Amino acid sequence: MPAKKKAIDEASLSGAALVKEVNRRIRLARLYWDRHNNLACRTERERALRLYERLSDEQKAGVPQALRVWLRYRSEKYFGPERTPPAGRD
């Protein structure tokens, strides 16, 4: 049985570790998107966006363009404020 991963303290991340975590979260959100798991995708996207906003301009250049485009365009298009919020399960 593999060992459990430790939870990452987002507040303590900085520098290259912060960029790496942003990349990981965006890739994870894209994976959930491809699997049509919208709730998990929305959660990871919000976490990635929160971390991405903490990056400086130089650090944002460290995020691959494909990931930045997906985070801004695709996620805003489908999960932005103008979209209907997800319905609760009855």
Protein backbone atom coordinates (compact mmCIF):
# COMPACT_ATOMS: atom_id res chain seq x y z
CA MET A 1 0.00 0.00 0.00
CA PRO A 2 1.51 3.38 -0.96
CA ALA A 3 2.08 5.96 1.72
CA LYS A 4 -0.40 8.80 2.07
CA LYS A 5 0.67 12.14 0.71
CA LYS A 6 1.03 14.96 3.17
CA ALA A 7 -1.30 17.90 2.78
CA ILE A 8 0.43 20.94 1.34
CA ASP A 9 0.22 24.15 3.31
CA GLU A 10 -0.62 26.70 0.60
CA ALA A 11 0.26 29.68 2.77
CA SER A 12 3.88 28.55 3.16
CA LEU A 13 4.52 28.06 -0.57
CA SER A 14 6.76 30.53 -2.35
CA GLY A 15 9.10 30.77 -5.30
CA ALA A 16 9.60 27.69 -7.45
CA ALA A 17 7.49 25.53 -5.12
CA LEU A 18 4.52 27.85 -5.64
CA VAL A 19 4.90 27.73 -9.44
CA LYS A 20 5.18 23.94 -9.31
CA GLU A 21 2.03 23.66 -7.19
CA VAL A 22 0.08 25.96 -9.53
CA ASN A 23 1.12 23.81 -12.50
CA ARG A 24 0.13 20.63 -10.65
CA ARG A 25 -3.28 21.98 -9.69
CA ILE A 26 -4.08 23.22 -13.20
CA ARG A 27 -3.08 19.86 -14.67
CA LEU A 28 -5.24 18.09 -12.10
CA ALA A 29 -8.20 20.34 -12.92
CA ARG A 30 -7.72 19.57 -16.62
CA LEU A 31 -7.64 15.86 -15.84
CA TYR A 32 -10.93 16.14 -13.97
CA TRP A 33 -12.33 18.20 -16.86
CA ASP A 34 -11.41 15.47 -19.35
CA ARG A 35 -13.11 12.90 -17.12
CA HIS A 36 -16.27 15.06 -16.93
CA ASN A 37 -15.96 15.39 -13.15
CA ASN A 38 -17.14 18.99 -12.97
CA LEU A 39 -17.32 19.36 -9.20
CA ALA A 40 -13.75 18.20 -8.69
CA CYS A 41 -12.63 20.29 -11.65
CA ARG A 42 -14.27 23.39 -10.23
CA THR A 43 -12.66 22.82 -6.82
CA GLU A 44 -9.15 22.33 -8.23
CA ARG A 45 -9.58 25.24 -10.63
CA GLU A 46 -10.50 27.57 -7.77
CA ARG A 47 -7.50 26.40 -5.75
CA ALA A 48 -5.18 26.84 -8.75
CA LEU A 49 -6.58 30.28 -9.48
CA ARG A 50 -6.13 31.37 -5.87
CA LEU A 51 -2.47 30.30 -6.00
CA TYR A 52 -1.96 31.74 -9.50
CA GLU A 53 -3.05 35.17 -8.30
CA ARG A 54 -0.21 35.10 -5.74
CA LEU A 55 2.44 34.72 -8.47
CA SER A 56 4.56 37.62 -9.63
CA ASP A 57 4.81 38.43 -13.34
CA GLU A 58 8.15 36.61 -13.58
CA GLN A 59 6.72 33.53 -11.88
CA LYS A 60 3.64 33.56 -14.13
CA ALA A 61 6.03 33.17 -17.07
CA GLY A 62 7.06 29.86 -15.47
CA VAL A 63 3.56 28.47 -15.99
CA PRO A 64 3.29 26.89 -19.46
CA GLN A 65 1.15 28.90 -21.85
CA ALA A 66 -1.23 26.00 -22.48
CA LEU A 67 -2.02 25.83 -18.77
CA ARG A 68 -2.46 29.61 -18.47
CA VAL A 69 -4.82 29.66 -21.45
CA TRP A 70 -6.87 26.81 -20.03
CA LEU A 71 -7.07 28.45 -16.62
CA ARG A 72 -8.22 31.79 -18.04
CA TYR A 73 -10.29 30.94 -21.09
CA ARG A 74 -11.73 27.47 -20.71
CA SER A 75 -12.39 27.69 -17.01
CA GLU A 76 -13.90 31.19 -17.18
CA LYS A 77 -16.07 30.17 -20.11
CA TYR A 78 -17.55 27.20 -18.29
CA PHE A 79 -17.15 28.12 -14.62
CA GLY A 80 -17.24 31.93 -14.69
CA PRO A 81 -19.69 34.07 -12.71
CA GLU A 82 -22.09 34.49 -15.66
CA ARG A 83 -22.70 30.73 -15.79
CA THR A 84 -25.54 29.06 -13.95
CA PRO A 85 -24.29 27.61 -10.66
CA PRO A 86 -24.42 23.82 -10.30
CA ALA A 87 -27.67 22.41 -9.02
CA GLY A 88 -27.74 20.71 -5.66
CA ARG A 89 -28.46 17.03 -5.56
CA ASP A 90 -31.86 16.08 -4.25
